[in-house]
Amino acid sequence: MSNAVTQIPAAPSAQALQHFEAAFAFETDCWDTHDALQQAEPGFVLIDARGPAHYQRGHVPGAINIPHAKIIESRLATHPAGTLFVVYCAGPHCNGAARAAVRLARLGRPVKLMAGGITGWIDEGFELAEGTGHD
């Protein structure tokens, strides 16, 4: 019996492996981001790509606020060219992180998206910081 799940066959295992392994080059998740932020040097700069008012109400501790439309080279000048940026926004219903990732990639900057955004962060049980940050 056919249904929406089985109507199209699954990809061969080798192709599935290639696809899912490649996804890690583009995304990380809230748990791994949180774990890395516990280290003295996490190896990336975390950018909250939402507007300042949302950032002030609650953001991932350690994140800087650069709204996606304001990501320009001069705002990144204090970070060496090879710096990895991890971007997030409100959550799966928001494309601000993807927009930020596009802008960073166009500037030649390494970037990953934190899947889940603020919604995922809260779902994992992690705390938010309030107030203004730095960039």
Protein backbone atom coordinates (compact mmCIF):
# COMPACT_ATOMS: atom_id res chain seq x y z
CA MET A 1 0.00 0.00 0.00
CA SER A 2 1.45 3.35 -1.04
CA ASN A 3 1.43 6.51 1.06
CA ALA A 4 3.29 9.82 1.09
CA VAL A 5 6.22 8.25 2.96
CA THR A 6 6.68 5.16 0.80
CA GLN A 7 5.57 6.52 -2.59
CA ILE A 8 9.12 7.70 -3.37
CA PRO A 9 11.76 5.10 -2.46
CA ALA A 10 14.55 6.00 -0.04
CA ALA A 11 17.89 6.88 -1.60
CA PRO A 12 20.57 4.20 -1.73
CA SER A 13 22.57 4.07 1.52
CA ALA A 14 25.74 5.48 -0.03
CA GLN A 15 23.82 8.48 -1.40
CA ALA A 16 22.00 8.98 1.91
CA LEU A 17 25.32 8.89 3.78
CA GLN A 18 26.80 11.53 1.47
CA HIS A 19 23.72 13.75 1.86
CA PHE A 20 23.46 13.55 5.65
CA GLU A 21 27.20 13.90 6.26
CA ALA A 22 27.26 16.98 4.01
CA ALA A 23 24.51 18.60 6.10
CA PHE A 24 26.95 18.96 9.00
CA ALA A 25 29.06 21.32 6.88
CA PHE A 26 26.11 23.72 6.79
CA GLU A 27 24.35 23.30 10.14
CA THR A 28 24.90 22.59 13.77
CA ASP A 29 22.32 22.19 16.53
CA CYS A 30 21.56 23.89 19.80
CA TRP A 31 23.02 21.10 21.93
CA ASP A 32 26.39 21.09 20.15
CA THR A 33 26.50 24.90 20.17
CA HIS A 34 25.76 24.98 23.90
CA ASP A 35 28.43 22.36 24.55
CA ALA A 36 31.04 24.29 22.54
CA LEU A 37 30.19 27.55 24.31
CA GLN A 38 31.18 25.92 27.62
CA GLN A 39 34.78 25.83 26.39
CA ALA A 40 37.15 28.76 26.86
CA GLU A 41 37.55 28.96 23.08
CA PRO A 42 34.52 27.55 21.26
CA GLY A 43 36.05 28.11 17.80
CA PHE A 44 33.31 30.32 16.39
CA VAL A 45 31.48 33.61 16.81
CA LEU A 46 27.76 33.24 17.49
CA ILE A 47 25.51 35.80 15.76
CA ASP A 48 21.91 36.45 16.71
CA ALA A 49 20.50 37.67 13.40
CA ARG A 50 17.25 39.07 14.87
CA GLY A 51 16.51 42.72 15.54
CA PRO A 52 17.88 44.46 18.65
CA ALA A 53 14.57 44.44 20.55
CA HIS A 54 14.22 40.65 20.27
CA TYR A 55 17.88 40.21 21.17
CA GLN A 56 17.48 42.34 24.32
CA ARG A 57 14.44 40.33 25.47
CA GLY A 58 16.42 37.09 25.32
CA HIS A 59 19.37 35.66 23.41
CA VAL A 60 21.86 32.82 23.60
CA PRO A 61 24.54 33.77 26.15
CA GLY A 62 27.71 34.81 24.32
CA ALA A 63 25.94 35.74 21.08
CA ILE A 64 26.49 39.09 19.47
CA ASN A 65 23.63 40.86 17.76
CA ILE A 66 23.99 41.70 14.10
CA PRO A 67 20.60 41.76 12.36
CA HIS A 68 20.89 39.86 9.08
CA ALA A 69 20.38 42.97 6.94
CA LYS A 70 23.28 44.71 8.72
CA ILE A 71 25.89 42.02 8.11
CA ILE A 72 28.54 43.89 6.15
CA GLU A 73 32.31 43.54 6.03
CA SER A 74 32.97 46.57 8.27
CA ARG A 75 30.90 44.95 11.08
CA LEU A 76 33.11 41.86 10.83
CA ALA A 77 36.46 43.66 10.63
CA THR A 78 37.51 42.68 14.16
CA HIS A 79 37.29 38.98 13.22
CA PRO A 80 40.03 37.34 11.12
CA ALA A 81 38.98 36.20 7.63
CA GLY A 82 38.85 32.50 8.56
CA THR A 83 36.62 32.99 11.61
CA LEU A 84 33.68 30.59 11.65
CA PHE A 85 30.34 32.26 12.29
CA VAL A 86 27.31 30.39 13.61
CA VAL A 87 24.02 32.19 13.02
CA TYR A 88 20.55 31.80 14.49
CA CYS A 89 17.20 33.56 14.56
CA ALA A 90 13.83 32.95 16.21
CA GLY A 91 13.43 29.36 15.10
CA PRO A 92 12.25 27.05 12.34
CA HIS A 93 9.51 29.48 11.36
CA CYS A 94 12.06 32.26 10.71
CA ASN A 95 14.48 32.60 7.79
CA GLY A 96 16.65 35.31 9.36
CA ALA A 97 19.47 32.87 10.06
CA ALA A 98 19.46 31.66 6.46
CA ARG A 99 19.53 35.26 5.29
CA ALA A 100 22.48 35.93 7.62
CA ALA A 101 24.26 32.83 6.33
CA VAL A 102 23.82 34.01 2.74
CA ARG A 103 25.28 37.42 3.58
CA LEU A 104 28.26 35.90 5.39
CA ALA A 105 28.91 33.44 2.57
CA ARG A 106 28.76 36.26 0.01
CA LEU A 107 31.45 38.02 2.06
CA GLY A 108 33.58 34.89 1.86
CA ARG A 109 33.14 34.07 5.55
CA PRO A 110 32.77 30.50 6.86
CA VAL A 111 29.27 30.03 8.28
CA LYS A 112 26.97 27.45 9.80
CA LEU A 113 23.34 27.80 10.82
CA MET A 114 22.22 26.75 14.32
CA ALA A 115 19.13 24.69 13.57
CA GLY A 116 16.18 25.47 15.81
CA GLY A 117 17.22 29.01 16.73
CA ILE A 118 15.86 30.46 19.98
CA THR A 119 12.94 28.02 19.89
CA GLY A 120 15.29 25.05 19.78
CA TRP A 121 17.53 26.56 22.47
CA ILE A 122 14.57 26.89 24.84
CA ASP A 123 13.27 23.43 23.89
CA GLU A 124 16.62 21.98 24.99
CA GLY A 125 16.15 23.64 28.39
CA PHE A 126 18.97 26.16 27.99
CA GLU A 127 18.78 29.60 29.58
CA LEU A 128 18.64 32.90 27.71
CA ALA A 129 20.56 36.06 28.55
CA GLU A 130 18.86 39.46 28.50
CA GLY A 131 20.06 42.94 27.69
CA THR A 132 22.41 44.33 25.11
CA GLY A 133 25.47 42.58 23.81
CA HIS A 134 28.49 43.62 21.90
CA ASP A 135 29.58 43.24 18.30
